[in-house]
Amino acid sequence: NSVEGATVYVTLEPCAHHGRTGPCCDALIRAKVGKV
């Protein structure tokens, strides 16, 4: 499934820092979703 232009529903703000994993906000931007 392509997620380009899709709407993402998430229960907590996507992280913006490098912890044990990379920033989730960057992953959503790269995936070209339309709305969060």
All heavy atoms as atom14 arrays in JSON, in Angstrom:
{
  "sequence": "NSVEGATVYVTLEPCAHHGRTGPCCDALIRAKVGKV",
  "atom14_mask": [
    [1, 1, 1, 1, 1, 1, 1, 1, 0, 0, 0, 0, 0, 0],
    [1, 1, 1, 1, 1, 1, 0, 0, 0, 0, 0, 0, 0, 0],
    [1, 1, 1, 1, 1, 1, 1, 0, 0, 0, 0, 0, 0, 0],
    [1, 1, 1, 1, 1, 1, 1, 1, 1, 0, 0, 0, 0, 0],
    [1, 1, 1, 1, 0, 0, 0, 0, 0, 0, 0, 0, 0, 0],
    [1, 1, 1, 1, 1, 0, 0, 0, 0, 0, 0, 0, 0, 0],
    [1, 1, 1, 1, 1, 1, 1, 0, 0, 0, 0, 0, 0, 0],
    [1, 1, 1, 1, 1, 1, 1, 0, 0, 0, 0, 0, 0, 0],
    [1, 1, 1, 1, 1, 1, 1, 1, 1, 1, 1, 1, 0, 0],
    [1, 1, 1, 1, 1, 1, 1, 0, 0, 0, 0, 0, 0, 0],
    [1, 1, 1, 1, 1, 1, 1, 0, 0, 0, 0, 0, 0, 0],
    [1, 1, 1, 1, 1, 1, 1, 1, 0, 0, 0, 0, 0, 0],
    [1, 1, 1, 1, 1, 1, 1, 1, 1, 0, 0, 0, 0, 0],
    [1, 1, 1, 1, 1, 1, 1, 0, 0, 0, 0, 0, 0, 0],
    [1, 1, 1, 1, 1, 1, 0, 0, 0, 0, 0, 0, 0, 0],
    [1, 1, 1, 1, 1, 0, 0, 0, 0, 0, 0, 0, 0, 0],
    [1, 1, 1, 1, 1, 1, 1, 1, 1, 1, 0, 0, 0, 0],
    [1, 1, 1, 1, 1, 1, 1, 1, 1, 1, 0, 0, 0, 0],
    [1, 1, 1, 1, 0, 0, 0, 0, 0, 0, 0, 0, 0, 0],
    [1, 1, 1, 1, 1, 1, 1, 1, 1, 1, 1, 0, 0, 0],
    [1, 1, 1, 1, 1, 1, 1, 0, 0, 0, 0, 0, 0, 0],
    [1, 1, 1, 1, 0, 0, 0, 0, 0, 0, 0, 0, 0, 0],
    [1, 1, 1, 1, 1, 1, 1, 0, 0, 0, 0, 0, 0, 0],
    [1, 1, 1, 1, 1, 1, 0, 0, 0, 0, 0, 0, 0, 0],
    [1, 1, 1, 1, 1, 1, 0, 0, 0, 0, 0, 0, 0, 0],
    [1, 1, 1, 1, 1, 1, 1, 1, 0, 0, 0, 0, 0, 0],
    [1, 1, 1, 1, 1, 0, 0, 0, 0, 0, 0, 0, 0, 0],
    [1, 1, 1, 1, 1, 1, 1, 1, 0, 0, 0, 0, 0, 0],
    [1, 1, 1, 1, 1, 1, 1, 1, 0, 0, 0, 0, 0, 0],
    [1, 1, 1, 1, 1, 1, 1, 1, 1, 1, 1, 0, 0, 0],
    [1, 1, 1, 1, 1, 0, 0, 0, 0, 0, 0, 0, 0, 0],
    [1, 1, 1, 1, 1, 1, 1, 1, 1, 0, 0, 0, 0, 0],
    [1, 1, 1, 1, 1, 1, 1, 0, 0, 0, 0, 0, 0, 0],
    [1, 1, 1, 1, 0, 0, 0, 0, 0, 0, 0, 0, 0, 0],
    [1, 1, 1, 1, 1, 1, 1, 1, 1, 0, 0, 0, 0, 0],
    [1, 1, 1, 1, 1, 1, 1, 0, 0, 0, 0, 0, 0, 0]
  ],
  "atom14_positions": [
    [[0.83, -1.21, 0.0], [0.0, 0.0, 0.0], [0.86, 1.26, 0.0], [1.75, 1.4, 0.84], [-0.9, 0.03, 1.24], [-1.94, -1.07, 1.23], [-2.4, -1.5, 0.16], [-2.33, -1.54, 2.4], [0.0, 0.0, 0.0], [0.0, 0.0, 0.0], [0.0, 0.0, 0.0], [0.0, 0.0, 0.0], [0.0, 0.0, 0.0], [0.0, 0.0, 0.0]],
    [[0.59, 2.14, -0.91], [1.24, 3.45, -0.91], [0.54, 4.35, 0.11], [-0.68, 4.38, 0.19], [1.15, 4.09, -2.29], [1.57, 5.45, -2.24], [0.0, 0.0, 0.0], [0.0, 0.0, 0.0], [0.0, 0.0, 0.0], [0.0, 0.0, 0.0], [0.0, 0.0, 0.0], [0.0, 0.0, 0.0], [0.0, 0.0, 0.0], [0.0, 0.0, 0.0]],
    [[1.32, 5.08, 0.89], [0.75, 5.98, 1.9], [0.85, 7.44, 1.49], [0.54, 8.33, 2.28], [1.43, 5.77, 3.27], [1.24, 4.34, 3.76], [2.91, 6.12, 3.2], [0.0, 0.0, 0.0], [0.0, 0.0, 0.0], [0.0, 0.0, 0.0], [0.0, 0.0, 0.0], [0.0, 0.0, 0.0], [0.0, 0.0, 0.0], [0.0, 0.0, 0.0]],
    [[1.25, 7.7, 0.26], [1.38, 9.09, -0.19], [0.02, 9.78, -0.12], [-0.98, 9.28, -0.62], [1.92, 9.13, -1.62], [2.19, 10.55, -2.11], [2.92, 10.57, -3.45], [3.37, 9.49, -3.9], [3.04, 11.67, -4.03], [0.0, 0.0, 0.0], [0.0, 0.0, 0.0], [0.0, 0.0, 0.0], [0.0, 0.0, 0.0], [0.0, 0.0, 0.0]],
    [[-0.01, 10.93, 0.56], [-1.24, 11.7, 0.71], [-2.19, 11.18, 1.76], [-3.27, 11.75, 1.97], [0.0, 0.0, 0.0], [0.0, 0.0, 0.0], [0.0, 0.0, 0.0], [0.0, 0.0, 0.0], [0.0, 0.0, 0.0], [0.0, 0.0, 0.0], [0.0, 0.0, 0.0], [0.0, 0.0, 0.0], [0.0, 0.0, 0.0], [0.0, 0.0, 0.0]],
    [[-1.83, 10.09, 2.46], [-2.72, 9.47, 3.45], [-2.75, 10.27, 4.75], [-1.94, 11.16, 4.99], [-2.27, 8.04, 3.73], [0.0, 0.0, 0.0], [0.0, 0.0, 0.0], [0.0, 0.0, 0.0], [0.0, 0.0, 0.0], [0.0, 0.0, 0.0], [0.0, 0.0, 0.0], [0.0, 0.0, 0.0], [0.0, 0.0, 0.0], [0.0, 0.0, 0.0]],
    [[-3.72, 9.93, 5.59], [-3.85, 10.55, 6.92], [-3.36, 9.56, 7.97], [-3.75, 8.4, 7.97], [-5.31, 10.94, 7.21], [-5.73, 11.92, 6.24], [-5.44, 11.54, 8.61], [0.0, 0.0, 0.0], [0.0, 0.0, 0.0], [0.0, 0.0, 0.0], [0.0, 0.0, 0.0], [0.0, 0.0, 0.0], [0.0, 0.0, 0.0], [0.0, 0.0, 0.0]],
    [[-2.53, 10.06, 8.87], [-1.95, 9.24, 9.93], [-2.61, 9.63, 11.26], [-2.63, 10.81, 11.62], [-0.42, 9.45, 10.02], [0.15, 8.66, 11.2], [0.24, 9.05, 8.72], [0.0, 0.0, 0.0], [0.0, 0.0, 0.0], [0.0, 0.0, 0.0], [0.0, 0.0, 0.0], [0.0, 0.0, 0.0], [0.0, 0.0, 0.0], [0.0, 0.0, 0.0]],
    [[-3.14, 8.66, 11.97], [-3.68, 8.87, 13.31], [-2.7, 8.24, 14.3], [-2.45, 7.03, 14.26], [-5.06, 8.22, 13.46], [-6.14, 8.89, 12.63], [-6.31, 8.56, 11.28], [-6.98, 9.84, 13.19], [-7.29, 9.16, 10.51], [-7.97, 10.46, 12.43], [-8.11, 10.12, 11.1], [-9.09, 10.72, 10.34], [0.0, 0.0, 0.0], [0.0, 0.0, 0.0]],
    [[-2.16, 9.05, 15.2], [-1.18, 8.56, 16.16], [-1.5, 9.12, 17.54], [-1.89, 10.27, 17.69], [0.26, 8.92, 15.71], [0.46, 10.43, 15.64], [1.3, 8.26, 16.6], [0.0, 0.0, 0.0], [0.0, 0.0, 0.0], [0.0, 0.0, 0.0], [0.0, 0.0, 0.0], [0.0, 0.0, 0.0], [0.0, 0.0, 0.0], [0.0, 0.0, 0.0]],
    [[-1.35, 8.28, 18.56], [-1.83, 8.64, 19.9], [-0.87, 9.56, 20.67], [-1.24, 10.09, 21.7], [-2.11, 7.38, 20.73], [-0.9, 6.61, 20.84], [-3.19, 6.53, 20.06], [0.0, 0.0, 0.0], [0.0, 0.0, 0.0], [0.0, 0.0, 0.0], [0.0, 0.0, 0.0], [0.0, 0.0, 0.0], [0.0, 0.0, 0.0], [0.0, 0.0, 0.0]],
    [[0.35, 9.73, 20.19], [1.31, 10.64, 20.81], [2.15, 11.28, 19.71], [2.44, 10.65, 18.69], [2.21, 9.89, 21.8], [3.11, 10.75, 22.7], [2.27, 11.54, 23.7], [4.12, 9.87, 23.44], [0.0, 0.0, 0.0], [0.0, 0.0, 0.0], [0.0, 0.0, 0.0], [0.0, 0.0, 0.0], [0.0, 0.0, 0.0], [0.0, 0.0, 0.0]],
    [[2.52, 12.5, 19.93], [3.31, 13.26, 18.95], [4.51, 12.45, 18.45], [5.27, 11.9, 19.24], [3.81, 14.55, 19.6], [4.72, 15.39, 18.73], [5.24, 16.63, 19.45], [4.83, 16.85, 20.62], [6.02, 17.37, 18.85], [0.0, 0.0, 0.0], [0.0, 0.0, 0.0], [0.0, 0.0, 0.0], [0.0, 0.0, 0.0], [0.0, 0.0, 0.0]],
    [[4.71, 12.39, 17.14], [5.88, 11.68, 16.59], [7.17, 12.28, 17.13], [7.32, 13.51, 17.21], [5.74, 11.88, 15.08], [4.26, 12.07, 14.87], [3.8, 12.84, 16.07], [0.0, 0.0, 0.0], [0.0, 0.0, 0.0], [0.0, 0.0, 0.0], [0.0, 0.0, 0.0], [0.0, 0.0, 0.0], [0.0, 0.0, 0.0], [0.0, 0.0, 0.0]],
    [[8.1, 11.42, 17.51], [9.36, 11.9, 18.1], [10.19, 12.64, 17.06], [10.09, 12.42, 15.86], [10.14, 10.73, 18.7], [10.7, 9.5, 17.5], [0.0, 0.0, 0.0], [0.0, 0.0, 0.0], [0.0, 0.0, 0.0], [0.0, 0.0, 0.0], [0.0, 0.0, 0.0], [0.0, 0.0, 0.0], [0.0, 0.0, 0.0], [0.0, 0.0, 0.0]],
    [[11.05, 13.53, 17.58], [11.87, 14.37, 16.72], [13.35, 14.24, 17.07], [14.15, 15.08, 16.67], [11.41, 15.83, 16.83], [0.0, 0.0, 0.0], [0.0, 0.0, 0.0], [0.0, 0.0, 0.0], [0.0, 0.0, 0.0], [0.0, 0.0, 0.0], [0.0, 0.0, 0.0], [0.0, 0.0, 0.0], [0.0, 0.0, 0.0], [0.0, 0.0, 0.0]],
    [[13.7, 13.21, 17.83], [15.08, 13.09, 18.3], [15.62, 11.7, 17.97], [14.88, 10.77, 17.68], [15.15, 13.31, 19.82], [14.38, 12.31, 20.61], [13.0, 12.28, 20.65], [14.79, 11.26, 21.4], [12.59, 11.29, 21.42], [13.64, 10.65, 21.88], [0.0, 0.0, 0.0], [0.0, 0.0, 0.0], [0.0, 0.0, 0.0], [0.0, 0.0, 0.0]],
    [[16.93, 11.6, 18.02], [17.6, 10.31, 17.82], [17.79, 9.66, 19.18], [18.67, 10.05, 19.96], [18.96, 10.51, 17.13], [18.85, 10.87, 15.69], [18.77, 9.93, 14.69], [18.78, 12.08, 15.09], [18.67, 10.54, 13.51], [18.67, 11.85, 13.72], [0.0, 0.0, 0.0], [0.0, 0.0, 0.0], [0.0, 0.0, 0.0], [0.0, 0.0, 0.0]],
    [[16.94, 8.68, 19.5], [17.11, 7.91, 20.73], [17.6, 6.54, 20.34], [18.61, 6.39, 19.66], [0.0, 0.0, 0.0], [0.0, 0.0, 0.0], [0.0, 0.0, 0.0], [0.0, 0.0, 0.0], [0.0, 0.0, 0.0], [0.0, 0.0, 0.0], [0.0, 0.0, 0.0], [0.0, 0.0, 0.0], [0.0, 0.0, 0.0], [0.0, 0.0, 0.0]],
    [[16.86, 5.51, 20.76], [17.2, 4.15, 20.34], [16.85, 3.94, 18.87], [17.36, 3.04, 18.22], [16.46, 3.14, 21.22], [16.84, 3.19, 22.7], [16.09, 2.13, 23.5], [16.46, 2.11, 24.91], [15.83, 2.78, 25.85], [14.77, 3.53, 25.54], [16.23, 2.73, 27.1], [0.0, 0.0, 0.0], [0.0, 0.0, 0.0], [0.0, 0.0, 0.0]],
    [[15.92, 4.79, 18.36], [15.55, 4.75, 16.94], [15.6, 6.18, 16.39], [15.74, 7.15, 17.14], [14.14, 4.18, 16.75], [13.2, 5.04, 17.43], [14.03, 2.78, 17.32], [0.0, 0.0, 0.0], [0.0, 0.0, 0.0], [0.0, 0.0, 0.0], [0.0, 0.0, 0.0], [0.0, 0.0, 0.0], [0.0, 0.0, 0.0], [0.0, 0.0, 0.0]],
    [[15.48, 6.32, 15.06], [15.5, 7.64, 14.44], [14.18, 8.38, 14.61], [13.18, 7.8, 15.03], [0.0, 0.0, 0.0], [0.0, 0.0, 0.0], [0.0, 0.0, 0.0], [0.0, 0.0, 0.0], [0.0, 0.0, 0.0], [0.0, 0.0, 0.0], [0.0, 0.0, 0.0], [0.0, 0.0, 0.0], [0.0, 0.0, 0.0], [0.0, 0.0, 0.0]],
    [[14.15, 9.68, 14.27], [12.94, 10.48, 14.43], [11.79, 9.96, 13.57], [11.93, 9.78, 12.35], [13.38, 11.88, 13.98], [14.87, 11.88, 14.1], [15.29, 10.48, 13.8], [0.0, 0.0, 0.0], [0.0, 0.0, 0.0], [0.0, 0.0, 0.0], [0.0, 0.0, 0.0], [0.0, 0.0, 0.0], [0.0, 0.0, 0.0], [0.0, 0.0, 0.0]],
    [[10.63, 9.75, 14.2], [9.47, 9.26, 13.46], [8.87, 10.34, 12.57], [8.28, 10.03, 11.53], [8.41, 8.74, 14.44], [8.89, 7.21, 15.26], [0.0, 0.0, 0.0], [0.0, 0.0, 0.0], [0.0, 0.0, 0.0], [0.0, 0.0, 0.0], [0.0, 0.0, 0.0], [0.0, 0.0, 0.0], [0.0, 0.0, 0.0], [0.0, 0.0, 0.0]],
    [[9.0, 11.61, 12.96], [8.46, 12.68, 12.12], [9.17, 12.68, 10.76], [8.54, 12.91, 9.72], [8.58, 14.03, 12.81], [10.26, 14.54, 13.2], [0.0, 0.0, 0.0], [0.0, 0.0, 0.0], [0.0, 0.0, 0.0], [0.0, 0.0, 0.0], [0.0, 0.0, 0.0], [0.0, 0.0, 0.0], [0.0, 0.0, 0.0], [0.0, 0.0, 0.0]],
    [[10.47, 12.4, 10.76], [11.21, 12.35, 9.49], [10.74, 11.18, 8.63], [10.64, 11.3, 7.39], [12.71, 12.23, 9.75], [13.3, 13.49, 10.37], [12.59, 14.52, 10.41], [14.46, 13.43, 10.82], [0.0, 0.0, 0.0], [0.0, 0.0, 0.0], [0.0, 0.0, 0.0], [0.0, 0.0, 0.0], [0.0, 0.0, 0.0], [0.0, 0.0, 0.0]],
    [[10.43, 10.05, 9.26], [9.94, 8.89, 8.52], [8.61, 9.2, 7.85], [8.37, 8.79, 6.7], [9.8, 7.69, 9.44], [0.0, 0.0, 0.0], [0.0, 0.0, 0.0], [0.0, 0.0, 0.0], [0.0, 0.0, 0.0], [0.0, 0.0, 0.0], [0.0, 0.0, 0.0], [0.0, 0.0, 0.0], [0.0, 0.0, 0.0], [0.0, 0.0, 0.0]],
    [[7.73, 9.92, 8.54], [6.44, 10.29, 7.96], [6.61, 11.28, 6.82], [5.9, 11.2, 5.8], [5.53, 10.88, 9.05], [5.11, 9.93, 10.16], [4.32, 10.67, 11.24], [4.26, 8.78, 9.6], [0.0, 0.0, 0.0], [0.0, 0.0, 0.0], [0.0, 0.0, 0.0], [0.0, 0.0, 0.0], [0.0, 0.0, 0.0], [0.0, 0.0, 0.0]],
    [[7.55, 12.2, 6.98], [7.81, 13.17, 5.91], [8.33, 12.48, 4.67], [7.88, 12.74, 3.54], [8.8, 14.25, 6.41], [8.14, 15.11, 7.5], [9.27, 15.13, 5.25], [9.11, 16.01, 8.23], [0.0, 0.0, 0.0], [0.0, 0.0, 0.0], [0.0, 0.0, 0.0], [0.0, 0.0, 0.0], [0.0, 0.0, 0.0], [0.0, 0.0, 0.0]],
    [[9.27, 11.55, 4.86], [9.82, 10.81, 3.72], [8.75, 9.97, 3.03], [8.8, 9.76, 1.81], [10.98, 9.92, 4.18], [12.25, 10.67, 4.52], [13.43, 9.71, 4.62], [13.23, 8.69, 5.66], [13.59, 8.84, 6.92], [14.18, 9.95, 7.32], [13.38, 7.86, 7.79], [0.0, 0.0, 0.0], [0.0, 0.0, 0.0], [0.0, 0.0, 0.0]],
    [[7.78, 9.48, 3.8], [6.72, 8.65, 3.22], [5.69, 9.48, 2.46], [4.82, 8.92, 1.8], [6.03, 7.86, 4.33], [0.0, 0.0, 0.0], [0.0, 0.0, 0.0], [0.0, 0.0, 0.0], [0.0, 0.0, 0.0], [0.0, 0.0, 0.0], [0.0, 0.0, 0.0], [0.0, 0.0, 0.0], [0.0, 0.0, 0.0], [0.0, 0.0, 0.0]],
    [[5.78, 10.81, 2.57], [4.91, 11.75, 1.84], [3.43, 11.61, 2.23], [2.54, 11.72, 1.38], [5.08, 11.58, 0.34], [6.49, 11.88, -0.17], [6.59, 11.72, -1.68], [8.0, 12.02, -2.15], [8.14, 11.88, -3.64], [0.0, 0.0, 0.0], [0.0, 0.0, 0.0], [0.0, 0.0, 0.0], [0.0, 0.0, 0.0], [0.0, 0.0, 0.0]],
    [[3.19, 11.34, 3.52], [1.8, 11.34, 3.96], [1.28, 12.78, 3.89], [2.05, 13.74, 3.88], [1.66, 10.78, 5.39], [2.19, 9.36, 5.46], [2.36, 11.67, 6.41], [0.0, 0.0, 0.0], [0.0, 0.0, 0.0], [0.0, 0.0, 0.0], [0.0, 0.0, 0.0], [0.0, 0.0, 0.0], [0.0, 0.0, 0.0], [0.0, 0.0, 0.0]],
    [[-0.05, 12.93, 3.86], [-0.61, 14.26, 3.69], [-1.01, 14.95, 4.98], [-0.94, 16.19, 5.08], [0.0, 0.0, 0.0], [0.0, 0.0, 0.0], [0.0, 0.0, 0.0], [0.0, 0.0, 0.0], [0.0, 0.0, 0.0], [0.0, 0.0, 0.0], [0.0, 0.0, 0.0], [0.0, 0.0, 0.0], [0.0, 0.0, 0.0], [0.0, 0.0, 0.0]],
    [[-1.44, 14.18, 5.97], [-1.96, 14.77, 7.21], [-1.62, 13.85, 8.39], [-1.63, 12.63, 8.25], [-3.47, 14.95, 7.11], [-4.13, 15.56, 8.34], [-5.64, 15.74, 8.13], [-6.31, 16.33, 9.36], [-7.77, 16.52, 9.17], [0.0, 0.0, 0.0], [0.0, 0.0, 0.0], [0.0, 0.0, 0.0], [0.0, 0.0, 0.0], [0.0, 0.0, 0.0]],
    [[-1.35, 14.48, 9.53], [-1.08, 13.72, 10.74], [-2.01, 14.23, 11.84], [-2.01, 15.42, 12.17], [0.39, 13.85, 11.2], [0.61, 13.05, 12.48], [1.34, 13.38, 10.1], [0.0, 0.0, 0.0], [0.0, 0.0, 0.0], [0.0, 0.0, 0.0], [0.0, 0.0, 0.0], [0.0, 0.0, 0.0], [0.0, 0.0, 0.0], [0.0, 0.0, 0.0]]
  ]
}
